[in-house]
Amino acid sequence: MSDAAQPTAAEVRAAAEAVKTALDRHLAAVERRTGEDDPAVYEAFNELAAAAEEYDELLYDRYDEVTPFEIPGTEDSLPPYTGPEEPNALSVLIRRDYAVVEPQRLLAQAQRIEAVEEDSGIERTASGTVHGALGLLFGEFEPDEIASRHKEFGLEEGDSTLWVTASDEPAEPGEWLEAPFEQADAQRIVCRFDVSAVFDEEADDDLEDDPELTTDLDDDEDLEPLDADR
């Protein structure tokens, strides 16, 4: 950052004072909390996280220094949990995205499935189209197996997410089949797990931005193997 764009010492000091104020508010909210998931505590936590992040950025820009603590960002945090403390049931919601990158490989796999079914007396002619081949594929294999073998089927993984949500009572048979994902409530999520290439890109950016994690090597320079005992 250029000198002209650097924050002033006064701005850094003001950001530090904002962190102190946010800490006091967070502690006061915790002391007055009315339950396990008090919205006031959640709000105070977000304010503290934002203030700490602002101070950390200004401190680094002005003095090339960082804080010794890290508060999780608020963008990826879940809203306050409002579900039952002792759930009697749960739902697991899964989304996995794929791109069909090798249609011929997909069609070939579908034809193999049809060939086996024909030997068993089952006749189907769905393998001639990508649409039909996908129906055969997902009818034959479990989703987890497709996820682990996606390259064999001509697919490329995209983003995926898994939500575990809590319920008071199990749903009645057939109750949600017409709209299975319509009633997903973010405030009843017990935990969630996300996979995305964007996370890898962010990690690569962090490595490029950190000069201590980069090494300049000549093209013909040899690297000595690491000593396993070290």
C-alpha atoms as a PDB file:
ATOM      1  CA  MET A   1       0.000   0.000   0.000  1.00  0.00           C
ATOM      2  CA  SER A   2       1.335   3.473  -0.868  1.00  0.00           C
ATOM      3  CA  ASP A   3       2.043   6.059   1.811  1.00  0.00           C
ATOM      4  CA  ALA A   4      -0.804   8.236   0.493  1.00  0.00           C
ATOM      5  CA  ALA A   5      -3.328   5.452   1.006  1.00  0.00           C
ATOM      6  CA  GLN A   6      -2.107   4.427   4.453  1.00  0.00           C
ATOM      7  CA  PRO A   7      -4.434   5.036   7.405  1.00  0.00           C
ATOM      8  CA  THR A   8      -3.330   7.609   9.929  1.00  0.00           C
ATOM      9  CA  ALA A   9      -2.166   6.754  13.417  1.00  0.00           C
ATOM     10  CA  ALA A  10      -5.342   8.390  14.709  1.00  0.00           C
ATOM     11  CA  GLU A  11      -7.489   6.078  12.579  1.00  0.00           C
ATOM     12  CA  VAL A  12      -5.693   3.039  13.944  1.00  0.00           C
ATOM     13  CA  ARG A  13      -6.146   4.327  17.470  1.00  0.00           C
ATOM     14  CA  ALA A  14      -9.873   4.922  16.837  1.00  0.00           C
ATOM     15  CA  ALA A  15     -10.240   1.362  15.510  1.00  0.00           C
ATOM     16  CA  ALA A  16      -8.550   0.038  18.661  1.00  0.00           C
ATOM     17  CA  GLU A  17     -10.999   1.996  20.808  1.00  0.00           C
ATOM     18  CA  ALA A  18     -13.870   0.557  18.764  1.00  0.00           C
ATOM     19  CA  VAL A  19     -12.627  -2.940  19.577  1.00  0.00           C
ATOM     20  CA  LYS A  20     -12.556  -2.086  23.290  1.00  0.00           C
ATOM     21  CA  THR A  21     -16.116  -0.763  23.115  1.00  0.00           C
ATOM     22  CA  ALA A  22     -17.286  -3.849  21.216  1.00  0.00           C
ATOM     23  CA  LEU A  23     -15.626  -6.086  23.808  1.00  0.00           C
ATOM     24  CA  ASP A  24     -17.486  -4.330  26.614  1.00  0.00           C
ATOM     25  CA  ARG A  25     -20.798  -4.643  24.736  1.00  0.00           C
ATOM     26  CA  HIS A  26     -20.198  -8.308  24.025  1.00  0.00           C
ATOM     27  CA  LEU A  27     -19.396  -9.069  27.667  1.00  0.00           C
ATOM     28  CA  ALA A  28     -22.473  -7.138  28.817  1.00  0.00           C
ATOM     29  CA  ALA A  29     -24.664  -9.089  26.367  1.00  0.00           C
ATOM     30  CA  VAL A  30     -23.217 -12.380  27.580  1.00  0.00           C
ATOM     31  CA  GLU A  31     -23.832 -11.413  31.213  1.00  0.00           C
ATOM     32  CA  ARG A  32     -27.469 -10.536  30.402  1.00  0.00           C
ATOM     33  CA  ARG A  33     -28.124 -13.472  28.081  1.00  0.00           C
ATOM     34  CA  THR A  34     -31.595 -14.987  28.347  1.00  0.00           C
ATOM     35  CA  GLY A  35     -30.839 -18.362  26.780  1.00  0.00           C
ATOM     36  CA  GLU A  36     -28.376 -20.492  24.881  1.00  0.00           C
ATOM     37  CA  ASP A  37     -28.993 -18.613  21.612  1.00  0.00           C
ATOM     38  CA  ASP A  38     -29.732 -15.067  22.736  1.00  0.00           C
ATOM     39  CA  PRO A  39     -29.979 -12.795  19.644  1.00  0.00           C
ATOM     40  CA  ALA A  40     -28.343  -9.948  21.579  1.00  0.00           C
ATOM     41  CA  VAL A  41     -25.225 -12.063  22.126  1.00  0.00           C
ATOM     42  CA  TYR A  42     -25.191 -13.037  18.456  1.00  0.00           C
ATOM     43  CA  GLU A  43     -25.436  -9.355  17.418  1.00  0.00           C
ATOM     44  CA  ALA A  44     -22.717  -8.304  19.862  1.00  0.00           C
ATOM     45  CA  PHE A  45     -20.478 -11.078  18.559  1.00  0.00           C
ATOM     46  CA  ASN A  46     -20.900  -9.840  14.978  1.00  0.00           C
ATOM     47  CA  GLU A  47     -20.124  -6.264  16.029  1.00  0.00           C
ATOM     48  CA  LEU A  48     -16.993  -7.436  17.840  1.00  0.00           C
ATOM     49  CA  ALA A  49     -15.894  -9.486  14.829  1.00  0.00           C
ATOM     50  CA  ALA A  50     -16.353  -6.521  12.487  1.00  0.00           C
ATOM     51  CA  ALA A  51     -14.497  -4.146  14.808  1.00  0.00           C
ATOM     52  CA  ALA A  52     -11.620  -6.586  15.268  1.00  0.00           C
ATOM     53  CA  GLU A  53     -11.318  -7.159  11.526  1.00  0.00           C
ATOM     54  CA  GLU A  54     -11.241  -3.407  10.853  1.00  0.00           C
ATOM     55  CA  TYR A  55      -8.559  -2.857  13.498  1.00  0.00           C
ATOM     56  CA  ASP A  56      -6.480  -5.742  12.195  1.00  0.00           C
ATOM     57  CA  GLU A  57      -6.554  -4.365   8.646  1.00  0.00           C
ATOM     58  CA  LEU A  58      -5.683  -0.812   9.679  1.00  0.00           C
ATOM     59  CA  LEU A  59      -2.916  -2.023  12.001  1.00  0.00           C
ATOM     60  CA  TYR A  60      -1.352  -4.021   9.181  1.00  0.00           C
ATOM     61  CA  ASP A  61      -1.699  -1.211   6.623  1.00  0.00           C
ATOM     62  CA  ARG A  62      -0.158   1.362   8.946  1.00  0.00           C
ATOM     63  CA  TYR A  63       2.448  -0.619  10.871  1.00  0.00           C
ATOM     64  CA  ASP A  64       2.785  -3.913   8.977  1.00  0.00           C
ATOM     65  CA  GLU A  65       1.699  -5.686  12.167  1.00  0.00           C
ATOM     66  CA  VAL A  66      -1.104  -8.138  12.983  1.00  0.00           C
ATOM     67  CA  THR A  67      -3.145  -9.026  16.047  1.00  0.00           C
ATOM     68  CA  PRO A  68      -2.502 -12.282  17.938  1.00  0.00           C
ATOM     69  CA  PHE A  69      -6.134 -13.375  17.749  1.00  0.00           C
ATOM     70  CA  GLU A  70      -8.588 -14.286  15.042  1.00  0.00           C
ATOM     71  CA  ILE A  71     -12.370 -13.966  15.270  1.00  0.00           C
ATOM     72  CA  PRO A  72     -14.364 -16.042  12.755  1.00  0.00           C
ATOM     73  CA  GLY A  73     -15.883 -13.970   9.983  1.00  0.00           C
ATOM     74  CA  THR A  74     -19.596 -13.243  10.135  1.00  0.00           C
ATOM     75  CA  GLU A  75     -20.379 -13.826   6.453  1.00  0.00           C
ATOM     76  CA  ASP A  76     -20.209 -17.614   6.763  1.00  0.00           C
ATOM     77  CA  SER A  77     -21.693 -17.878  10.245  1.00  0.00           C
ATOM     78  CA  LEU A  78     -25.134 -19.354  10.800  1.00  0.00           C
ATOM     79  CA  PRO A  79     -28.050 -17.416  12.312  1.00  0.00           C
ATOM     80  CA  PRO A  80     -28.962 -18.150  15.935  1.00  0.00           C
ATOM     81  CA  TYR A  81     -30.210 -21.704  16.407  1.00  0.00           C
ATOM     82  CA  THR A  82     -33.885 -21.732  17.363  1.00  0.00           C
ATOM     83  CA  GLY A  83     -34.617 -25.451  17.087  1.00  0.00           C
ATOM     84  CA  PRO A  84     -35.262 -27.877  19.950  1.00  0.00           C
ATOM     85  CA  GLU A  85     -32.465 -28.360  22.467  1.00  0.00           C
ATOM     86  CA  GLU A  86     -33.046 -32.120  22.340  1.00  0.00           C
ATOM     87  CA  PRO A  87     -34.213 -32.888  18.790  1.00  0.00           C
ATOM     88  CA  ASN A  88     -36.434 -35.916  18.356  1.00  0.00           C
ATOM     89  CA  ALA A  89     -35.733 -36.071  14.617  1.00  0.00           C
ATOM     90  CA  LEU A  90     -33.373 -34.666  12.040  1.00  0.00           C
ATOM     91  CA  SER A  91     -33.205 -34.101   8.302  1.00  0.00           C
ATOM     92  CA  VAL A  92     -30.032 -34.280   6.207  1.00  0.00           C
ATOM     93  CA  LEU A  93     -30.233 -31.999   3.162  1.00  0.00           C
ATOM     94  CA  ILE A  94     -27.573 -32.541   0.511  1.00  0.00           C
ATOM     95  CA  ARG A  95     -26.837 -30.669  -2.701  1.00  0.00           C
ATOM     96  CA  ARG A  96     -24.044 -31.685  -5.063  1.00  0.00           C
ATOM     97  CA  ASP A  97     -23.452 -29.946  -8.382  1.00  0.00           C
ATOM     98  CA  TYR A  98     -21.810 -31.635 -11.381  1.00  0.00           C
ATOM     99  CA  ALA A  99     -20.885 -30.620 -14.906  1.00  0.00           C
ATOM    100  CA  VAL A 100     -21.220 -33.177 -17.710  1.00  0.00           C
ATOM    101  CA  VAL A 101     -17.740 -32.800 -19.220  1.00  0.00           C
ATOM    102  CA  GLU A 102     -17.475 -36.118 -21.086  1.00  0.00           C
ATOM    103  CA  PRO A 103     -20.909 -37.079 -22.449  1.00  0.00           C
ATOM    104  CA  GLN A 104     -19.537 -40.085 -24.347  1.00  0.00           C
ATOM    105  CA  ARG A 105     -18.125 -41.564 -21.155  1.00  0.00           C
ATOM    106  CA  LEU A 106     -21.489 -41.036 -19.456  1.00  0.00           C
ATOM    107  CA  LEU A 107     -23.339 -42.683 -22.359  1.00  0.00           C
ATOM    108  CA  ALA A 108     -20.927 -45.622 -22.355  1.00  0.00           C
ATOM    109  CA  GLN A 109     -21.550 -46.231 -18.644  1.00  0.00           C
ATOM    110  CA  ALA A 110     -25.305 -46.128 -19.221  1.00  0.00           C
ATOM    111  CA  GLN A 111     -25.009 -48.634 -22.052  1.00  0.00           C
ATOM    112  CA  ARG A 112     -23.150 -51.017 -19.746  1.00  0.00           C
ATOM    113  CA  ILE A 113     -25.988 -50.749 -17.226  1.00  0.00           C
ATOM    114  CA  GLU A 114     -28.534 -51.506 -19.940  1.00  0.00           C
ATOM    115  CA  ALA A 115     -26.509 -54.483 -21.144  1.00  0.00           C
ATOM    116  CA  VAL A 116     -26.541 -55.998 -17.661  1.00  0.00           C
ATOM    117  CA  GLU A 117     -30.273 -55.354 -17.330  1.00  0.00           C
ATOM    118  CA  GLU A 118     -30.945 -56.986 -20.699  1.00  0.00           C
ATOM    119  CA  ASP A 119     -29.162 -60.105 -19.487  1.00  0.00           C
ATOM    120  CA  SER A 120     -31.571 -60.076 -16.547  1.00  0.00           C
ATOM    121  CA  GLY A 121     -34.606 -59.731 -18.803  1.00  0.00           C
ATOM    122  CA  ILE A 122     -35.083 -55.978 -18.338  1.00  0.00           C
ATOM    123  CA  GLU A 123     -35.298 -53.948 -21.563  1.00  0.00           C
ATOM    124  CA  ARG A 124     -34.655 -50.200 -21.577  1.00  0.00           C
ATOM    125  CA  THR A 125     -33.424 -47.836 -24.301  1.00  0.00           C
ATOM    126  CA  ALA A 126     -32.604 -44.739 -22.293  1.00  0.00           C
ATOM    127  CA  SER A 127     -28.846 -44.755 -22.809  1.00  0.00           C
ATOM    128  CA  GLY A 128     -28.987 -42.934 -26.139  1.00  0.00           C
ATOM    129  CA  THR A 129     -29.392 -39.475 -24.585  1.00  0.00           C
ATOM    130  CA  VAL A 130     -27.585 -37.651 -21.793  1.00  0.00           C
ATOM    131  CA  HIS A 131     -30.901 -37.136 -20.019  1.00  0.00           C
ATOM    132  CA  GLY A 132     -31.701 -40.839 -20.141  1.00  0.00           C
ATOM    133  CA  ALA A 133     -28.150 -41.841 -19.225  1.00  0.00           C
ATOM    134  CA  LEU A 134     -28.259 -39.674 -16.103  1.00  0.00           C
ATOM    135  CA  GLY A 135     -31.509 -41.337 -15.070  1.00  0.00           C
ATOM    136  CA  LEU A 136     -29.914 -44.766 -15.458  1.00  0.00           C
ATOM    137  CA  LEU A 137     -26.785 -43.731 -13.597  1.00  0.00           C
ATOM    138  CA  PHE A 138     -28.541 -42.290 -10.567  1.00  0.00           C
ATOM    139  CA  GLY A 139     -31.013 -45.157 -10.554  1.00  0.00           C
ATOM    140  CA  GLU A 140     -28.217 -47.711 -10.441  1.00  0.00           C
ATOM    141  CA  PHE A 141     -25.706 -46.137  -8.038  1.00  0.00           C
ATOM    142  CA  GLU A 142     -26.004 -44.464  -4.655  1.00  0.00           C
ATOM    143  CA  PRO A 143     -25.220 -40.705  -4.654  1.00  0.00           C
ATOM    144  CA  ASP A 144     -22.148 -41.248  -2.466  1.00  0.00           C
ATOM    145  CA  GLU A 145     -20.760 -43.773  -4.940  1.00  0.00           C
ATOM    146  CA  ILE A 146     -21.336 -41.382  -7.823  1.00  0.00           C
ATOM    147  CA  ALA A 147     -19.534 -38.680  -5.849  1.00  0.00           C
ATOM    148  CA  SER A 148     -16.515 -40.928  -5.331  1.00  0.00           C
ATOM    149  CA  ARG A 149     -16.485 -42.190  -8.942  1.00  0.00           C
ATOM    150  CA  HIS A 150     -17.698 -39.090 -10.790  1.00  0.00           C
ATOM    151  CA  LYS A 151     -14.746 -39.023 -13.197  1.00  0.00           C
ATOM    152  CA  GLU A 152     -15.592 -42.542 -14.386  1.00  0.00           C
ATOM    153  CA  PHE A 153     -19.041 -41.267 -15.339  1.00  0.00           C
ATOM    154  CA  GLY A 154     -17.788 -38.225 -17.277  1.00  0.00           C
ATOM    155  CA  LEU A 155     -18.765 -35.776 -14.551  1.00  0.00           C
ATOM    156  CA  GLU A 156     -16.868 -32.927 -12.912  1.00  0.00           C
ATOM    157  CA  GLU A 157     -17.607 -31.899  -9.340  1.00  0.00           C
ATOM    158  CA  GLY A 158     -18.926 -28.433  -8.551  1.00  0.00           C
ATOM    159  CA  ASP A 159     -19.966 -26.956  -5.215  1.00  0.00           C
ATOM    160  CA  SER A 160     -21.648 -29.115  -2.605  1.00  0.00           C
ATOM    161  CA  THR A 161     -23.256 -28.585   0.772  1.00  0.00           C
ATOM    162  CA  LEU A 162     -24.714 -30.755   3.523  1.00  0.00           C
ATOM    163  CA  TRP A 163     -27.121 -29.421   6.131  1.00  0.00           C
ATOM    164  CA  VAL A 164     -28.182 -31.268   9.278  1.00  0.00           C
ATOM    165  CA  THR A 165     -31.412 -29.732  10.563  1.00  0.00           C
ATOM    166  CA  ALA A 166     -33.265 -30.526  13.764  1.00  0.00           C
ATOM    167  CA  SER A 167     -36.989 -31.260  14.084  1.00  0.00           C
ATOM    168  CA  ASP A 168     -39.420 -31.596  16.964  1.00  0.00           C
ATOM    169  CA  GLU A 169     -41.030 -34.718  15.500  1.00  0.00           C
ATOM    170  CA  PRO A 170     -40.361 -36.985  12.514  1.00  0.00           C
ATOM    171  CA  ALA A 171     -42.299 -36.060   9.381  1.00  0.00           C
ATOM    172  CA  GLU A 172     -45.286 -38.171   8.398  1.00  0.00           C
ATOM    173  CA  PRO A 173     -44.735 -40.531   5.449  1.00  0.00           C
ATOM    174  CA  GLY A 174     -45.125 -38.602   2.205  1.00  0.00           C
ATOM    175  CA  GLU A 175     -45.597 -35.284   4.044  1.00  0.00           C
ATOM    176  CA  TRP A 176     -42.887 -33.306   2.230  1.00  0.00           C
ATOM    177  CA  LEU A 177     -42.378 -35.268  -0.971  1.00  0.00           C
ATOM    178  CA  GLU A 178     -44.037 -32.654  -3.200  1.00  0.00           C
ATOM    179  CA  ALA A 179     -41.589 -29.931  -2.082  1.00  0.00           C
ATOM    180  CA  PRO A 180     -38.731 -31.631  -0.191  1.00  0.00           C
ATOM    181  CA  PHE A 181     -36.489 -28.550   0.182  1.00  0.00           C
ATOM    182  CA  GLU A 182     -39.103 -25.844   0.568  1.00  0.00           C
ATOM    183  CA  GLN A 183     -39.197 -25.821   4.365  1.00  0.00           C
ATOM    184  CA  ALA A 184     -35.451 -25.780   5.054  1.00  0.00           C
ATOM    185  CA  ASP A 185     -35.000 -23.477   8.066  1.00  0.00           C
ATOM    186  CA  ALA A 186     -31.523 -21.986   8.493  1.00  0.00           C
ATOM    187  CA  GLN A 187     -32.240 -21.366  12.180  1.00  0.00           C
ATOM    188  CA  ARG A 188     -32.680 -25.108  12.766  1.00  0.00           C
ATOM    189  CA  ILE A 189     -29.332 -26.100  11.263  1.00  0.00           C
ATOM    190  CA  VAL A 190     -27.315 -28.106  13.753  1.00  0.00           C
ATOM    191  CA  CYS A 191     -24.263 -28.086  11.484  1.00  0.00           C
ATOM    192  CA  ARG A 192     -23.397 -27.674   7.810  1.00  0.00           C
ATOM    193  CA  PHE A 193     -20.451 -28.641   5.629  1.00  0.00           C
ATOM    194  CA  ASP A 194     -19.616 -26.815   2.404  1.00  0.00           C
ATOM    195  CA  VAL A 195     -17.192 -27.738  -0.380  1.00  0.00           C
ATOM    196  CA  SER A 196     -16.294 -25.232  -3.107  1.00  0.00           C
ATOM    197  CA  ALA A 197     -13.385 -24.487  -5.399  1.00  0.00           C
ATOM    198  CA  VAL A 198     -13.581 -20.880  -4.211  1.00  0.00           C
ATOM    199  CA  PHE A 199     -12.145 -21.983  -0.867  1.00  0.00           C
ATOM    200  CA  ASP A 200      -9.078 -23.394  -2.650  1.00  0.00           C
ATOM    201  CA  GLU A 201      -8.672 -20.144  -4.586  1.00  0.00           C
ATOM    202  CA  GLU A 202      -8.805 -18.137  -1.370  1.00  0.00           C
ATOM    203  CA  ALA A 203      -6.145 -20.391   0.177  1.00  0.00           C
ATOM    204  CA  ASP A 204      -3.925 -19.947  -2.900  1.00  0.00           C
ATOM    205  CA  ASP A 205      -4.368 -16.169  -2.692  1.00  0.00           C
ATOM    206  CA  ASP A 206      -3.307 -16.237   0.959  1.00  0.00           C
ATOM    207  CA  LEU A 207      -0.138 -18.151   0.033  1.00  0.00           C
ATOM    208  CA  GLU A 208       0.694 -15.682  -2.743  1.00  0.00           C
ATOM    209  CA  ASP A 209       0.145 -12.698  -0.442  1.00  0.00           C
ATOM    210  CA  ASP A 210       2.412 -14.073   2.304  1.00  0.00           C
ATOM    211  CA  PRO A 211       6.067 -13.500   1.341  1.00  0.00           C
ATOM    212  CA  GLU A 212       7.240 -15.924   4.027  1.00  0.00           C
ATOM    213  CA  LEU A 213       5.436 -18.780   2.247  1.00  0.00           C
ATOM    214  CA  THR A 214       7.030 -18.233  -1.187  1.00  0.00           C
ATOM    215  CA  THR A 215      10.488 -19.328  -2.336  1.00  0.00           C
ATOM    216  CA  ASP A 216      12.395 -18.294  -5.466  1.00  0.00           C
ATOM    217  CA  LEU A 217      14.179 -21.235  -7.104  1.00  0.00           C
ATOM    218  CA  ASP A 218      16.228 -21.421 -10.274  1.00  0.00           C
ATOM    219  CA  ASP A 219      14.805 -23.793 -12.881  1.00  0.00           C
ATOM    220  CA  ASP A 220      17.836 -26.059 -12.596  1.00  0.00           C
ATOM    221  CA  GLU A 221      18.155 -25.934  -8.802  1.00  0.00           C
ATOM    222  CA  ASP A 222      17.814 -29.304  -7.096  1.00  0.00           C
ATOM    223  CA  LEU A 223      15.850 -29.784  -3.888  1.00  0.00           C
ATOM    224  CA  GLU A 224      17.263 -32.051  -1.208  1.00  0.00           C
ATOM    225  CA  PRO A 225      14.812 -34.629   0.210  1.00  0.00           C
ATOM    226  CA  LEU A 226      13.554 -33.941   3.716  1.00  0.00           C
ATOM    227  CA  ASP A 227      15.080 -35.984   6.522  1.00  0.00           C
ATOM    228  CA  ALA A 228      12.236 -37.999   8.037  1.00  0.00           C
ATOM    229  CA  ASP A 229      13.903 -37.820  11.455  1.00  0.00           C
ATOM    230  CA  ARG A 230      13.884 -34.061  11.533  1.00  0.00           C
END
